Protein backbone atom coordinates (compact mmCIF):
# COMPACT_ATOMS: atom_id res chain seq x y z
CA MET A 1 -46.80 -26.38 -48.53
CA GLY A 2 -43.73 -27.77 -46.56
CA PHE A 3 -40.42 -26.21 -45.47
CA LYS A 4 -37.10 -28.26 -44.70
CA ILE A 5 -35.63 -28.17 -41.12
CA ASP A 6 -32.86 -25.81 -40.80
CA ASN A 7 -30.42 -28.33 -39.50
CA GLY A 8 -27.18 -26.68 -38.00
CA TYR A 9 -29.17 -23.22 -37.14
CA SER A 10 -29.46 -22.07 -33.60
CA GLY A 11 -33.27 -21.69 -32.35
CA SER A 12 -31.79 -18.91 -30.71
CA ASN A 13 -31.43 -17.10 -34.30
CA LEU A 14 -33.67 -14.92 -36.04
CA VAL A 15 -31.90 -15.32 -39.26
CA ARG A 16 -32.25 -18.83 -40.25
CA PRO A 17 -32.96 -19.74 -44.39
CA ASN A 18 -36.28 -21.47 -43.89
CA LEU A 19 -37.49 -19.11 -41.59
CA GLU A 20 -36.71 -16.48 -44.05
CA LYS A 21 -38.58 -18.17 -46.88
CA LEU A 22 -41.77 -19.04 -44.60
CA ARG A 23 -41.75 -15.24 -43.54
CA ASP A 24 -41.93 -13.97 -47.27
CA ARG A 25 -44.70 -16.34 -48.08
CA VAL A 26 -46.65 -15.44 -44.96
CA ALA A 27 -46.13 -11.23 -45.95
CA GLU A 28 -47.09 -12.60 -49.52
CA GLY A 29 -50.50 -13.82 -48.12
CA LYS A 30 -49.80 -17.13 -49.55
CA ILE A 31 -49.95 -19.14 -45.80
CA ASP A 32 -53.19 -18.91 -44.02
CA LYS A 33 -52.16 -21.64 -41.08
CA ILE A 34 -48.48 -22.38 -39.53
CA TYR A 35 -48.05 -25.66 -37.80
CA ILE A 36 -45.50 -25.75 -35.15
CA HIS A 37 -45.00 -28.33 -32.55
CA SER A 38 -44.03 -25.54 -29.81
CA PRO A 39 -43.19 -22.08 -29.11
CA ASP A 40 -39.39 -23.12 -28.26
CA ARG A 41 -39.38 -24.58 -31.82
CA LEU A 42 -40.19 -21.40 -33.16
CA SER A 43 -37.51 -19.67 -31.12
CA ARG A 44 -35.87 -19.96 -28.14
CA LYS A 45 -36.04 -16.49 -27.13
CA TYR A 46 -39.25 -14.93 -26.25
CA ALA A 47 -38.80 -11.45 -27.76
CA TYR A 48 -38.15 -13.18 -31.07
CA GLN A 49 -41.49 -15.66 -30.34
CA MET A 50 -43.65 -12.13 -30.06
CA ILE A 51 -42.12 -10.75 -33.10
CA LEU A 52 -42.90 -13.90 -35.41
CA LEU A 53 -46.38 -14.27 -33.96
CA GLU A 54 -47.13 -10.71 -34.31
CA GLU A 55 -45.86 -10.78 -37.81
CA PHE A 56 -48.24 -13.75 -38.92
CA GLN A 57 -50.86 -12.20 -36.95
CA LYS A 58 -50.94 -9.10 -39.18
CA ALA A 59 -50.41 -11.05 -42.32
CA GLY A 60 -53.88 -13.35 -41.58
CA ALA A 61 -51.86 -16.08 -40.92
CA GLU A 62 -52.88 -18.31 -37.71
CA ALA A 63 -49.92 -19.97 -35.78
CA VAL A 64 -51.03 -23.54 -34.35
CA PHE A 65 -48.76 -25.13 -31.69
CA LEU A 66 -49.43 -28.64 -31.57
CA ASN A 67 -48.67 -28.96 -27.94
CA TYR A 68 -50.43 -25.57 -26.94
CA GLU A 69 -53.63 -23.38 -28.00
CA ILE A 70 -53.11 -19.90 -28.30
CA ASN A 71 -55.85 -17.85 -27.09
CA ASP A 72 -56.40 -13.79 -26.58
CA ASN A 73 -56.97 -14.10 -22.95
CA PRO A 74 -54.56 -13.12 -20.28
CA GLU A 75 -53.57 -16.03 -18.98
CA SER A 76 -52.81 -17.76 -21.94
CA GLN A 77 -50.51 -14.87 -23.30
CA LEU A 78 -48.91 -15.13 -19.42
CA LEU A 79 -48.05 -18.76 -20.33
CA LEU A 80 -46.95 -18.22 -23.58
CA GLN A 81 -44.54 -15.78 -21.99
CA MET A 82 -43.59 -18.18 -19.47
CA GLN A 83 -42.72 -20.89 -21.70
CA GLY A 84 -40.66 -18.59 -24.13
CA MET A 85 -38.81 -17.54 -20.91
CA ILE A 86 -38.07 -21.13 -19.50
CA ALA A 87 -37.13 -21.64 -22.98
CA GLU A 88 -34.57 -19.02 -23.05
CA TYR A 89 -33.16 -20.26 -19.56
CA GLU A 90 -32.95 -23.95 -20.34
CA ARG A 91 -30.67 -22.79 -23.31
CA ALA A 92 -28.33 -20.51 -21.69
CA LYS A 93 -28.05 -23.16 -18.70
CA ILE A 94 -27.47 -25.85 -21.00
CA MET A 95 -24.64 -23.85 -22.87
CA GLU A 96 -23.30 -23.10 -19.29
CA ARG A 97 -23.46 -26.49 -18.35
CA SER A 98 -21.86 -28.25 -21.79
CA ARG A 99 -18.88 -25.22 -21.40
CA ARG A 100 -18.02 -26.16 -17.44
CA GLY A 101 -18.39 -29.86 -18.24
CA LYS A 102 -15.73 -29.52 -21.13
CA ILE A 103 -13.34 -27.28 -19.18
CA TYR A 104 -13.64 -30.05 -16.17
CA ALA A 105 -13.14 -32.90 -18.78
CA ALA A 106 -10.45 -30.98 -20.41
CA ASN A 107 -8.35 -30.44 -17.30
CA LYS A 108 -9.01 -34.54 -16.21
CA GLY A 109 -7.40 -35.49 -19.55
CA CYS A 110 -10.04 -36.14 -21.47
CA VAL A 111 -9.75 -36.21 -25.57
CA SER A 112 -13.37 -36.30 -26.11
CA VAL A 113 -13.54 -32.82 -25.75
CA MET A 114 -11.59 -32.07 -28.89
CA GLY A 115 -14.03 -32.64 -31.36
CA GLY A 116 -11.81 -35.17 -33.69
CA ALA A 117 -8.85 -36.31 -34.06
CA PRO A 118 -6.26 -34.10 -36.28
CA TYR A 119 -4.14 -35.75 -38.92
CA GLY A 120 -1.92 -38.34 -37.96
CA TYR A 121 -4.22 -39.44 -35.33
CA ARG A 122 -7.50 -41.34 -35.13
CA TYR A 123 -9.89 -41.40 -32.60
CA ILE A 124 -11.05 -44.20 -30.28
CA ASP A 125 -14.40 -43.56 -28.37
CA LYS A 126 -14.69 -44.89 -24.92
CA CYS A 127 -16.63 -47.65 -25.83
CA THR A 128 -14.15 -48.99 -28.48
CA GLY A 129 -11.25 -47.98 -26.36
CA VAL A 130 -10.14 -48.83 -22.61
CA GLY A 131 -12.95 -47.05 -21.11
CA GLN A 132 -12.17 -43.93 -22.13
CA ALA A 133 -11.62 -41.92 -25.44
CA LEU A 134 -8.09 -41.30 -26.49
CA PHE A 135 -6.21 -40.92 -29.44
CA GLU A 136 -4.16 -43.28 -31.47
CA ILE A 137 -1.28 -42.60 -34.04
CA ASN A 138 -2.13 -43.44 -37.23
CA GLU A 139 1.28 -44.49 -38.52
CA GLU A 140 0.89 -44.14 -41.91
CA GLU A 141 -0.54 -40.55 -41.53
CA ALA A 142 1.89 -40.03 -39.02
CA ASP A 143 4.67 -40.59 -41.25
CA VAL A 144 3.34 -37.37 -43.29
CA VAL A 145 3.38 -35.23 -40.37
CA ARG A 146 7.15 -36.07 -39.63
CA LYS A 147 8.40 -35.54 -43.35
CA VAL A 148 6.41 -31.76 -42.95
CA PHE A 149 8.21 -31.06 -39.55
CA LEU A 150 11.26 -32.15 -41.38
CA TRP A 151 11.19 -30.39 -44.54
CA VAL A 152 10.20 -26.80 -42.69
CA GLY A 153 12.71 -27.41 -39.68
CA ARG A 154 15.78 -28.98 -40.89
CA GLU A 155 15.15 -28.10 -44.92
CA ARG A 156 13.62 -24.85 -44.34
CA ALA A 157 11.32 -25.25 -46.58
CA SER A 158 8.30 -22.88 -47.42
CA ILE A 159 4.75 -24.00 -46.66
CA GLY A 160 4.01 -23.70 -50.68
CA GLU A 161 7.01 -25.90 -51.16
CA VAL A 162 5.75 -28.53 -48.48
CA CYS A 163 2.43 -28.54 -50.58
CA ARG A 164 4.13 -29.02 -53.82
CA ARG A 165 6.09 -31.76 -52.18
CA LEU A 166 2.87 -33.56 -51.07
CA ASN A 167 1.12 -32.74 -54.28
CA THR A 168 3.86 -34.41 -56.16
CA MET A 169 4.29 -37.67 -53.87
CA SER A 170 0.18 -38.18 -54.70
CA ILE A 171 -0.20 -38.15 -50.96
CA ILE A 172 -4.13 -37.29 -50.24
CA THR A 173 -5.54 -35.61 -47.68
CA ARG A 174 -7.97 -37.16 -44.84
CA THR A 175 -10.97 -35.79 -46.26
CA GLY A 176 -9.55 -37.62 -50.06
CA LYS A 177 -8.56 -34.46 -51.94
CA LYS A 178 -5.54 -34.93 -53.94
CA CYS A 179 -4.62 -31.06 -53.31
CA TRP A 180 -2.71 -29.66 -49.74
CA ASP A 181 -3.77 -26.49 -49.10
CA ARG A 182 -1.89 -24.33 -47.51
CA SER A 183 -4.04 -23.30 -44.37
CA VAL A 184 -4.18 -27.34 -43.89
CA ILE A 185 0.19 -27.29 -43.49
CA TRP A 186 -0.07 -24.22 -41.33
CA GLY A 187 -2.63 -25.48 -38.84
CA MET A 188 -0.72 -28.94 -38.87
CA LEU A 189 2.35 -27.32 -37.98
CA LYS A 190 1.40 -24.71 -35.37
CA ASN A 191 -0.63 -27.76 -33.66
CA PRO A 192 0.76 -28.47 -30.14
CA ALA A 193 -1.12 -32.02 -30.37
CA TYR A 194 1.90 -33.28 -32.88
CA LYS A 195 4.17 -32.82 -29.65
CA GLY A 196 2.12 -34.27 -27.28
CA GLN A 197 0.01 -31.71 -25.88
CA ALA A 198 -3.41 -31.03 -27.55
CA ALA A 199 -4.85 -27.96 -26.78
CA PHE A 200 -8.28 -27.16 -25.70
CA GLY A 201 -10.16 -23.59 -25.74
CA LYS A 202 -7.77 -22.27 -28.51
CA THR A 203 -10.66 -19.94 -29.72
CA LYS A 204 -14.20 -18.48 -28.42
CA VAL A 205 -17.10 -17.05 -30.51
CA GLY A 206 -18.12 -13.34 -30.22
CA VAL A 207 -19.65 -10.82 -31.96
CA LYS A 208 -20.23 -11.21 -35.64
CA LEU A 209 -17.54 -9.31 -37.68
CA GLN A 210 -18.79 -7.23 -40.52
CA HIS A 211 -17.31 -7.60 -43.90
CA ILE A 212 -16.61 -5.04 -46.07
CA ARG A 213 -17.63 -7.27 -49.00
CA PRO A 214 -18.89 -11.18 -49.11
CA GLN A 215 -16.17 -13.91 -48.04
CA ARG A 216 -15.15 -16.13 -51.03
CA HIS A 217 -17.05 -19.79 -50.98
CA SER A 218 -19.42 -18.68 -48.34
CA CYS A 219 -23.43 -18.90 -48.41
CA GLU A 220 -25.43 -15.67 -48.92
CA GLN A 221 -27.08 -16.24 -45.33
CA PRO A 222 -24.43 -17.55 -42.94
CA LYS A 223 -25.57 -20.10 -40.75
CA ASP A 224 -24.27 -18.19 -37.49
CA ASN A 225 -24.64 -15.04 -35.93
CA TYR A 226 -21.18 -14.79 -34.28
CA SER A 227 -17.46 -15.04 -35.01
CA ILE A 228 -14.61 -17.18 -33.72
CA TYR A 229 -11.76 -15.23 -32.03
CA PRO A 230 -8.34 -16.60 -31.00
CA VAL A 231 -7.86 -17.52 -27.16
CA GLU A 232 -4.33 -16.27 -25.56
CA LYS A 233 -2.16 -19.53 -24.84
CA ALA A 234 -1.81 -18.66 -21.87
CA ASN A 235 -5.56 -19.85 -21.43
CA TRP A 236 -5.51 -22.87 -23.36
CA ILE A 237 -5.66 -26.24 -21.41
CA TYR A 238 -3.22 -28.87 -22.71
CA VAL A 239 -4.16 -32.59 -22.81
CA LYS A 240 -1.28 -35.35 -22.92
CA VAL A 241 -1.50 -37.41 -26.46
CA PRO A 242 1.11 -39.62 -27.90
CA ASN A 243 3.50 -37.30 -29.82
CA ILE A 244 4.49 -37.45 -33.13
CA VAL A 245 7.45 -35.31 -33.10
CA ASN A 246 9.90 -34.32 -30.22
CA GLU A 247 9.56 -31.08 -28.55
CA ASP A 248 12.66 -29.90 -29.54
CA VAL A 249 11.78 -30.64 -33.47
CA PHE A 250 8.28 -28.75 -32.64
CA ASP A 251 10.26 -25.54 -31.51
CA ILE A 252 12.55 -25.42 -34.33
CA VAL A 253 9.55 -25.42 -36.71
CA GLN A 254 8.14 -22.56 -34.81
CA GLU A 255 11.23 -20.61 -34.76
CA GLN A 256 11.53 -21.41 -38.63
CA LEU A 257 7.86 -20.04 -39.55
CA ALA A 258 8.52 -17.01 -37.83
CA GLU A 259 11.95 -16.77 -39.88
CA ASN A 260 9.92 -17.72 -43.04
CA ARG A 261 6.96 -15.27 -42.53
CA LYS A 262 9.45 -12.58 -42.45
CA ILE A 263 11.31 -13.28 -45.33
CA ALA A 264 8.26 -13.59 -47.28
CA ARG A 265 7.12 -10.36 -45.91
CA THR A 266 10.44 -9.01 -46.83
CA ARG A 267 10.20 -10.49 -50.45
CA GLU A 268 6.31 -9.01 -51.16
CA ARG A 269 8.38 -5.37 -50.31
CA GLY A 270 10.53 -6.48 -52.82
CA ALA A 271 13.62 -6.99 -50.90
CA LYS A 272 16.69 -6.12 -52.52
CA TYR A 273 19.34 -5.26 -49.31
CA LEU A 274 21.14 -8.09 -47.54
CA LEU A 275 20.63 -6.72 -44.09
CA GLN A 276 17.14 -5.71 -44.74
CA GLY A 277 14.81 -6.53 -41.21
CA LEU A 278 18.03 -6.60 -39.11
CA ILE A 279 19.53 -3.09 -38.51
CA VAL A 280 18.64 -1.14 -35.52
CA CYS A 281 19.23 2.39 -34.84
CA LYS A 282 21.02 2.31 -31.09
CA CYS A 283 19.80 6.47 -30.80
CA CYS A 284 16.10 5.96 -31.31
CA ARG A 285 15.37 2.22 -31.70
CA TYR A 286 13.77 2.70 -35.03
CA ALA A 287 14.64 0.84 -37.97
CA TYR A 288 17.17 1.57 -40.87
CA TYR A 289 15.64 0.74 -44.20
CA GLY A 290 17.14 0.65 -47.38
CA SER A 291 16.95 3.81 -49.94
CA PRO A 292 18.05 4.01 -53.27
CA VAL A 293 20.29 7.06 -54.65
CA ARG A 294 20.45 7.52 -58.50
CA ASN A 295 23.52 10.40 -58.92
CA LYS A 296 24.07 11.72 -62.25
CA ARG A 297 27.40 13.25 -63.22
CA GLY A 298 27.46 14.49 -66.62
CA GLU A 299 26.56 11.53 -68.77
CA LYS A 300 27.39 8.85 -66.25
CA VAL A 301 24.49 7.93 -63.83
CA ASP A 302 25.67 5.89 -60.54
CA HIS A 303 23.36 3.83 -58.62
CA TYR A 304 23.60 2.72 -54.95
CA ALA A 305 21.72 2.87 -51.66
CA TYR A 306 21.95 4.11 -48.15
CA TYR A 307 20.84 2.28 -44.99
CA ARG A 308 18.64 5.31 -43.33
CA CYS A 309 17.28 5.57 -40.20
CA ILE A 310 13.39 5.95 -40.00
CA GLY A 311 14.18 8.92 -37.26
CA ARG A 312 15.58 10.85 -39.87
CA ASP A 313 12.68 10.97 -42.03
CA SER A 314 10.92 14.41 -40.48
CA TYR A 315 7.52 13.51 -42.73
CA ARG A 316 7.01 10.65 -40.39
CA PHE A 317 7.12 12.78 -37.45
CA GLY A 318 4.88 15.81 -38.26
CA GLY A 319 8.00 17.63 -40.01
CA ASN A 320 10.45 17.33 -36.97
CA LYS A 321 12.95 14.62 -37.28
CA ILE A 322 13.77 12.89 -34.34
CA CYS A 323 17.15 10.78 -35.12
CA ASP A 324 20.64 12.60 -36.03
CA ASN A 325 22.34 9.30 -36.67
CA LYS A 326 24.02 8.60 -39.58
CA HIS A 327 23.35 6.97 -43.10
CA ILE A 328 25.60 4.29 -44.29
CA ARG A 329 26.03 2.71 -47.84
CA THR A 330 24.38 -0.64 -48.27
CA ASP A 331 27.21 -2.21 -50.14
CA ALA A 332 30.26 -1.00 -47.44
CA LEU A 333 28.07 -2.34 -44.40
CA GLU A 334 26.87 -5.52 -46.20
CA THR A 335 30.66 -6.13 -47.05
CA ALA A 336 31.56 -5.26 -43.66
CA VAL A 337 29.03 -7.50 -41.85
CA TRP A 338 29.63 -10.56 -44.37
CA GLU A 339 33.46 -10.55 -43.53
CA GLU A 340 32.65 -10.43 -39.93
CA VAL A 341 30.30 -13.45 -40.29
CA LYS A 342 33.15 -15.59 -42.28
CA HIS A 343 35.36 -14.56 -39.70
CA LEU A 344 33.08 -16.44 -37.04
CA LEU A 345 32.70 -19.32 -39.62
CA LYS A 346 36.28 -19.66 -40.03
CA ASN A 347 35.84 -23.02 -37.86
CA PRO A 348 32.33 -23.88 -37.96
CA ASN A 349 32.77 -27.30 -36.33
CA ARG A 350 34.33 -25.80 -33.21
CA ILE A 351 31.14 -23.23 -33.35
CA LEU A 352 28.99 -26.08 -33.89
CA GLU A 353 30.26 -28.26 -30.78
CA GLU A 354 30.30 -25.38 -28.78
CA TYR A 355 26.38 -24.62 -29.76
CA LYS A 356 25.42 -28.41 -28.73
CA ARG A 357 27.63 -28.20 -25.72
CA LYS A 358 25.41 -25.34 -24.42
CA LEU A 359 22.12 -26.93 -26.03
CA SER A 360 22.92 -30.16 -24.03
CA GLU A 361 22.99 -27.81 -21.19
CA PHE A 362 19.98 -26.16 -21.11
CA LYS A 363 18.44 -29.77 -21.90
CA ARG A 364 19.45 -30.60 -18.29
CA SER A 365 17.66 -27.91 -16.89
CA SER A 366 14.41 -28.51 -15.43
CA TRP A 367 12.45 -25.37 -16.46
CA ASP A 368 8.86 -26.78 -16.69
CA LYS A 369 8.77 -27.96 -12.77
CA LYS A 370 10.22 -24.68 -11.76
CA SER A 371 7.93 -22.87 -14.10
CA ASP A 372 4.93 -24.72 -12.50
CA LEU A 373 6.13 -24.36 -8.67
CA LEU A 374 6.44 -20.51 -9.64
CA GLU A 375 3.24 -20.71 -10.93
CA LYS A 376 1.65 -22.26 -7.95
CA GLN A 377 3.61 -19.80 -5.76
CA GLU A 378 2.14 -17.22 -7.84
CA ASN A 379 -1.44 -18.08 -7.26
CA LYS A 380 -0.97 -18.48 -3.58
CA LEU A 381 0.19 -15.15 -3.13
CA GLN A 382 -2.13 -13.65 -5.28
CA ARG A 383 -4.92 -15.20 -3.40
CA GLY A 384 -3.42 -14.11 0.02
CA ILE A 385 -3.25 -10.68 -0.94
CA ALA A 386 -6.73 -10.80 -1.77
CA ARG A 387 -7.57 -12.69 1.79
CA LEU A 388 -5.35 -9.84 3.51
CA ILE A 389 -7.49 -6.85 1.43
CA ASP A 390 -10.55 -8.10 2.36
CA SER A 391 -9.67 -8.82 5.93
CA TYR A 392 -8.53 -5.31 6.39
CA ALA A 393 -11.44 -3.79 4.48
CA GLN A 394 -13.86 -5.60 7.08
CA GLU A 395 -11.43 -4.21 9.85
CA TYR A 396 -10.70 -7.76 11.25
CA ILE A 397 -6.97 -6.63 11.10
CA SER A 398 -5.57 -2.86 11.73
CA GLN A 399 -3.47 -0.77 9.40
CA GLU A 400 -0.44 -1.48 10.96
CA GLU A 401 -0.88 -4.83 10.72
CA PHE A 402 -1.81 -4.75 6.82
CA GLU A 403 0.72 -2.58 5.33
CA PRO A 404 4.04 -4.44 6.37
CA ARG A 405 2.27 -7.87 5.37
CA VAL A 406 0.91 -6.89 2.07
CA LYS A 407 4.39 -4.95 1.36
CA ALA A 408 6.33 -8.43 1.84
CA MET A 409 3.88 -10.47 -0.02
CA LYS A 410 4.13 -8.12 -2.98
CA GLN A 411 7.89 -8.02 -2.83
CA SER A 412 8.12 -11.91 -2.97
CA LEU A 413 5.29 -11.43 -5.82
CA LYS A 414 7.90 -9.22 -7.74
CA ALA A 415 10.65 -12.00 -7.30
CA ILE A 416 8.79 -14.67 -8.84
CA GLU A 417 7.91 -12.71 -11.56
CA GLU A 418 11.17 -11.92 -12.03
CA GLU A 419 12.21 -15.58 -11.99
CA LYS A 420 9.81 -16.53 -14.63
CA LYS A 421 11.08 -13.80 -16.73
CA ARG A 422 14.39 -15.18 -16.56
CA ILE A 423 13.47 -18.85 -17.39
CA PHE A 424 11.57 -17.58 -20.20
CA ASP A 425 14.17 -15.93 -21.49
CA GLN A 426 16.33 -19.00 -20.55
CA LYS A 427 13.53 -21.00 -22.92
CA LYS A 428 14.02 -18.38 -25.68
CA LEU A 429 17.76 -18.49 -25.86
CA LYS A 430 17.53 -22.73 -26.03
CA GLN A 431 15.18 -22.16 -29.13
CA GLU A 432 17.45 -19.94 -31.06
CA LEU A 433 20.36 -22.42 -30.05
CA THR A 434 18.76 -25.30 -31.59
CA LEU A 435 17.70 -23.25 -34.65
CA VAL A 436 21.27 -22.44 -35.00
CA VAL A 437 22.38 -25.94 -34.55
CA THR A 438 19.99 -27.25 -36.95
CA ASN A 439 21.11 -24.66 -39.53
CA LEU A 440 24.63 -24.99 -38.63
CA GLU A 441 24.55 -29.00 -39.43
CA ASP A 442 23.14 -28.25 -42.69
CA PHE A 443 25.55 -26.25 -44.20
CA SER A 444 28.78 -26.69 -42.01
CA SER A 445 30.36 -29.25 -44.36
CA ASN A 446 30.39 -27.05 -47.37
CA ILE A 447 30.57 -23.70 -46.03
CA THR A 448 34.22 -22.89 -45.48
CA SER A 449 34.97 -23.80 -49.40
CA ASN A 450 32.22 -21.62 -50.58
CA LEU A 451 31.79 -18.65 -48.43
CA ASP A 452 34.12 -16.75 -51.07
CA ASN A 453 31.99 -17.58 -53.85
CA ALA A 454 28.31 -17.39 -51.76
CA ASP A 455 25.51 -16.32 -53.97
CA TRP A 456 23.11 -13.12 -52.75
CA ILE A 457 20.59 -15.63 -51.15
CA THR A 458 23.18 -17.91 -49.45
CA LYS A 459 24.50 -14.98 -47.81
CA ARG A 460 21.62 -13.74 -46.51
CA ASP A 461 20.40 -17.05 -45.18
CA ILE A 462 23.67 -17.41 -43.52
CA ILE A 463 23.57 -14.03 -41.98
CA ARG A 464 19.75 -14.62 -41.12
CA THR A 465 20.98 -17.60 -39.31
CA LEU A 466 23.73 -15.93 -36.92
CA VAL A 467 22.84 -12.73 -36.62
CA LYS A 468 20.18 -11.50 -34.27
CA ARG A 469 20.32 -7.76 -35.30
CA ILE A 470 22.77 -5.08 -36.48
CA GLU A 471 22.88 -2.10 -34.12
CA ILE A 472 24.41 1.28 -35.56
CA ASN A 473 25.32 4.11 -33.29
CA LEU A 474 27.25 7.31 -33.95
CA GLU A 475 30.47 5.77 -33.76
CA ASN A 476 30.16 2.58 -34.20
CA VAL A 477 28.20 -0.61 -35.57
CA ASN A 478 27.76 -3.62 -33.69
CA VAL A 479 26.75 -7.15 -35.02
CA VAL A 480 24.80 -8.93 -32.16
CA PHE A 481 24.78 -12.72 -32.65
CA ARG A 482 22.07 -14.88 -31.81
CA VAL A 483 23.82 -16.30 -29.16
CA LYS A 484 25.30 -13.91 -26.78
CA GLU A 485 27.81 -16.27 -25.23
CA LEU A 486 30.83 -18.09 -27.08
CA PRO A 487 34.11 -18.86 -26.30
CA ASP A 488 36.78 -16.62 -27.85
CA SER A 489 39.63 -17.57 -29.44
CA SER A 490 41.72 -17.80 -26.25
CA GLY A 491 39.15 -20.24 -25.05
CA HIS A 492 37.05 -17.52 -22.58
CA ASN A 493 34.05 -16.91 -22.80
CA GLY A 494 32.34 -13.39 -23.97
CA GLU A 495 29.63 -11.62 -25.15
CA GLU A 496 29.34 -12.45 -28.55
CA LYS A 497 28.60 -8.84 -29.62
CA LYS A 498 31.17 -7.69 -32.85
CA ASN A 499 32.37 -3.79 -32.78
CA LEU A 500 32.69 -2.53 -36.21
CA GLN A 501 34.02 0.51 -36.80
CA HIS A 502 31.99 2.71 -38.93
CA CYS A 503 32.74 2.67 -42.59
CA TRP A 504 34.15 6.14 -42.63
CA GLY A 505 36.80 4.73 -40.15
CA SER A 506 39.96 3.16 -40.70
CA ASN A 507 40.82 1.31 -37.59
CA ARG A 508 40.01 -2.24 -39.04
CA ALA A 509 40.60 -4.40 -41.73
CA ILE A 510 36.79 -4.39 -42.26
CA THR A 511 36.04 -0.65 -42.50
CA CYS A 512 35.03 1.02 -45.44
CA GLN A 513 36.42 5.16 -46.84
CA LYS A 514 34.97 7.59 -45.65
CA SER A 515 33.34 8.25 -48.93
CA TYR A 516 30.68 5.62 -48.09
CA TYR A 517 29.27 7.83 -45.48
CA HIS A 518 26.64 10.06 -46.18
CA LYS A 519 27.15 13.69 -44.77
CA ARG A 520 24.09 15.18 -45.38
């Protein structure tokens, strides 16, 4: 009786489908002898070897190794133990060498560690290529990739819409499938290789996750006894490859994916409030949410809603509310904010040109070089502090020498961290500018004529494009736009943080009547 080889299953794993079948047959008494090439083919771990051999012996089955004879004497058992330990050590050594070798190759810019080229590229091995492996753009597939990025970045299409378009155009996947899966498109849009930076080390293996129920489309006995976990982006190693889309387009798509994800979650909850997800309480920093009200007056029933601070809900905080900020009628606040947005968009071309001007200033900045230099300085300082601590611990320097030097180095380190944060904030602002410019270009041609007749979806999309958040204080409402600085009507730059009087006030044309304020 023969058994198939467990291809794809590690010898360090005791749970292997055909090994399980073999053990079952041995336990049933159907096997007298088991022929095995060598002990390390049975298992790479000595403890597992002993478990299996003892199990076979108890069931009356003799294990015969073709290159090793098992005897009951102590010398034979010692040799078997040594072979098992050496096999386990060799496996660990091979894995560590492989890991270190891949990291070294990735740092040298070799794409051979990637395991395959993503859609839009073809992998050229070092024998076929110019002495080293490389990614070559497959123009037919790359054209599809560009379309996908354009649909999401410029047309703000959802991933589901992208899949539908590809299926309608009868574009097949690399594996020959006629139907595109959402996860494939998501992975494509998140892959930095398309902007010219293929990433190595995005995942790591860890303890096998225990699922409450079996996963769909998975085999009864999984191949691996581990699970895959994501690795922080800071630890990725980037390898330069030909880019299919430019970096700005890639960044726009990342912003749009975040927007789409937020909108999708809102829709799943049954969104019916124009400003949902944008309002924050200035008193307690919790969000505002829409709360419907049904008011019966005789035979008449009024239906309306308030935006309410989470901090006022005592049941969320052990029976005691933590905020006294006011409720505000949804229709009143939505009208006020929409009027403010319309006021801002009276001259969309001027705003668009200003955004483009600011964006061009950012493009001239060499943030990446500054970031790399700061990173090197930070690492150098950290190593210096570590050496200084070692010198002090080994009494090479006195406390009087140690304290001022380490204090100065820590101050320098703090200054570098602050500069890195400033650069990060500038990069984030650039991404927001790029997203706003792209969206404004799309609807600037007809935005002025259609604003008064815009439907609910259009209003929401425009507001989400321009408004970063809405802050509600005890006495006023502040609309904070995505880009903080824009020229005012006089041509001077000023913080783009419009103040709306509360809807129960009467100071401005956009205010509402006091009856819209919930007095409870």
